[in-house]
């Protein structure tokens, strides 16, 4: 039983090593240029506005739920 388990683990380990690929070659001179790491400037305005809007909605919902919970 131990031999079969060892063989299975060894087979799985070797198969993952065989499927691994070599890393790509770096571009000509990776330290040159003035480009950001991500490859360019991403537009953040739309995402920030969406985040602020959702946070405001969530806060308004929490306040409304608190007002409902207070007995008068």
C-alpha atoms as a PDB file:
ATOM      1  CA  UNK A   1       0.000   0.000   0.000  1.00  0.00           C
ATOM      2  CA  UNK A   2       2.835   2.399   0.861  1.00  0.00           C
ATOM      3  CA  UNK A   3       4.565   1.617  -2.439  1.00  0.00           C
ATOM      4  CA  UNK A   4       1.436   2.533  -4.411  1.00  0.00           C
ATOM      5  CA  UNK A   5       0.960   5.755  -2.464  1.00  0.00           C
ATOM      6  CA  UNK A   6       4.606   6.715  -2.934  1.00  0.00           C
ATOM      7  CA  UNK A   7       4.393   5.960  -6.659  1.00  0.00           C
ATOM      8  CA  UNK A   8       1.246   8.097  -6.974  1.00  0.00           C
ATOM      9  CA  UNK A   9       2.788  11.035  -5.129  1.00  0.00           C
ATOM     10  CA  UNK A  10       5.981  10.751  -7.171  1.00  0.00           C
ATOM     11  CA  UNK A  11       3.993  10.616 -10.417  1.00  0.00           C
ATOM     12  CA  UNK A  12       1.991  13.704  -9.480  1.00  0.00           C
ATOM     13  CA  UNK A  13       5.126  15.587  -8.465  1.00  0.00           C
ATOM     14  CA  UNK A  14       6.985  14.686 -11.657  1.00  0.00           C
ATOM     15  CA  UNK A  15       3.986  15.517 -13.852  1.00  0.00           C
ATOM     16  CA  UNK A  16       3.776  19.030 -12.410  1.00  0.00           C
ATOM     17  CA  UNK A  17       7.481  19.538 -13.104  1.00  0.00           C
ATOM     18  CA  UNK A  18       7.057  18.381 -16.684  1.00  0.00           C
ATOM     19  CA  UNK A  19       4.173  20.773 -17.305  1.00  0.00           C
ATOM     20  CA  UNK A  20       6.098  23.790 -16.030  1.00  0.00           C
ATOM     21  CA  UNK A  21       7.248  26.262 -18.646  1.00  0.00           C
ATOM     22  CA  UNK A  22      10.405  28.295 -18.783  1.00  0.00           C
ATOM     23  CA  UNK A  23      10.008  31.994 -17.970  1.00  0.00           C
ATOM     24  CA  UNK A  24       9.870  34.354 -20.953  1.00  0.00           C
ATOM     25  CA  UNK A  25      12.978  36.237 -21.939  1.00  0.00           C
ATOM     26  CA  UNK A  26      13.103  39.822 -20.666  1.00  0.00           C
ATOM     27  CA  UNK A  27      12.934  42.712 -23.131  1.00  0.00           C
ATOM     28  CA  UNK A  28      16.104  44.325 -24.438  1.00  0.00           C
ATOM     29  CA  UNK A  29      16.930  46.626 -21.534  1.00  0.00           C
ATOM     30  CA  UNK A  30      14.361  46.309 -18.727  1.00  0.00           C
ATOM     31  CA  UNK A  31      15.789  49.201 -16.702  1.00  0.00           C
ATOM     32  CA  UNK A  32      15.464  51.799 -19.453  1.00  0.00           C
ATOM     33  CA  UNK A  33      12.483  53.974 -20.210  1.00  0.00           C
ATOM     34  CA  UNK A  34      10.018  55.843 -18.081  1.00  0.00           C
ATOM     35  CA  UNK A  35       7.040  53.502 -18.326  1.00  0.00           C
ATOM     36  CA  UNK A  36       5.196  52.321 -15.207  1.00  0.00           C
ATOM     37  CA  UNK A  37       5.341  48.669 -14.237  1.00  0.00           C
ATOM     38  CA  UNK A  38       1.707  48.002 -15.192  1.00  0.00           C
ATOM     39  CA  UNK A  39       2.326  48.981 -18.791  1.00  0.00           C
ATOM     40  CA  UNK A  40       0.447  52.265 -18.806  1.00  0.00           C
ATOM     41  CA  UNK A  41      -1.782  54.577 -16.881  1.00  0.00           C
ATOM     42  CA  UNK A  42      -5.101  52.988 -15.942  1.00  0.00           C
ATOM     43  CA  UNK A  43      -8.141  55.271 -15.723  1.00  0.00           C
ATOM     44  CA  UNK A  44      -9.018  55.401 -12.034  1.00  0.00           C
ATOM     45  CA  UNK A  45     -11.693  58.109 -12.063  1.00  0.00           C
ATOM     46  CA  UNK A  46     -14.584  55.787 -12.951  1.00  0.00           C
ATOM     47  CA  UNK A  47     -13.630  53.178 -10.375  1.00  0.00           C
ATOM     48  CA  UNK A  48     -13.144  55.705  -7.592  1.00  0.00           C
ATOM     49  CA  UNK A  49     -16.504  57.338  -8.344  1.00  0.00           C
ATOM     50  CA  UNK A  50     -18.195  53.934  -8.292  1.00  0.00           C
ATOM     51  CA  UNK A  51     -16.532  53.050  -4.982  1.00  0.00           C
ATOM     52  CA  UNK A  52     -17.555  56.352  -3.368  1.00  0.00           C
ATOM     53  CA  UNK A  53     -21.117  55.967  -4.662  1.00  0.00           C
ATOM     54  CA  UNK A  54     -21.439  52.443  -3.302  1.00  0.00           C
ATOM     55  CA  UNK A  55     -19.995  53.515   0.056  1.00  0.00           C
ATOM     56  CA  UNK A  56     -22.483  56.393   0.273  1.00  0.00           C
ATOM     57  CA  UNK A  57     -25.354  54.051  -0.577  1.00  0.00           C
ATOM     58  CA  UNK A  58     -24.220  51.540   2.016  1.00  0.00           C
ATOM     59  CA  UNK A  59     -23.936  54.257   4.650  1.00  0.00           C
ATOM     60  CA  UNK A  60     -27.405  55.581   3.808  1.00  0.00           C
ATOM     61  CA  UNK A  61     -28.820  52.060   4.086  1.00  0.00           C
ATOM     62  CA  UNK A  62     -27.194  51.553   7.494  1.00  0.00           C
ATOM     63  CA  UNK A  63     -28.599  54.885   8.765  1.00  0.00           C
ATOM     64  CA  UNK A  64     -32.075  54.045   7.450  1.00  0.00           C
ATOM     65  CA  UNK A  65     -31.979  50.625   9.121  1.00  0.00           C
ATOM     66  CA  UNK A  66     -30.872  52.218  12.395  1.00  0.00           C
ATOM     67  CA  UNK A  67     -33.784  54.684  12.301  1.00  0.00           C
ATOM     68  CA  UNK A  68     -36.221  51.810  11.716  1.00  0.00           C
ATOM     69  CA  UNK A  69     -34.824  49.870  14.674  1.00  0.00           C
ATOM     70  CA  UNK A  70     -35.270  52.720  17.188  1.00  0.00           C
ATOM     71  CA  UNK A  71     -38.752  52.432  18.794  1.00  0.00           C
ATOM     72  CA  UNK A  72     -40.579  55.713  19.210  1.00  0.00           C
END
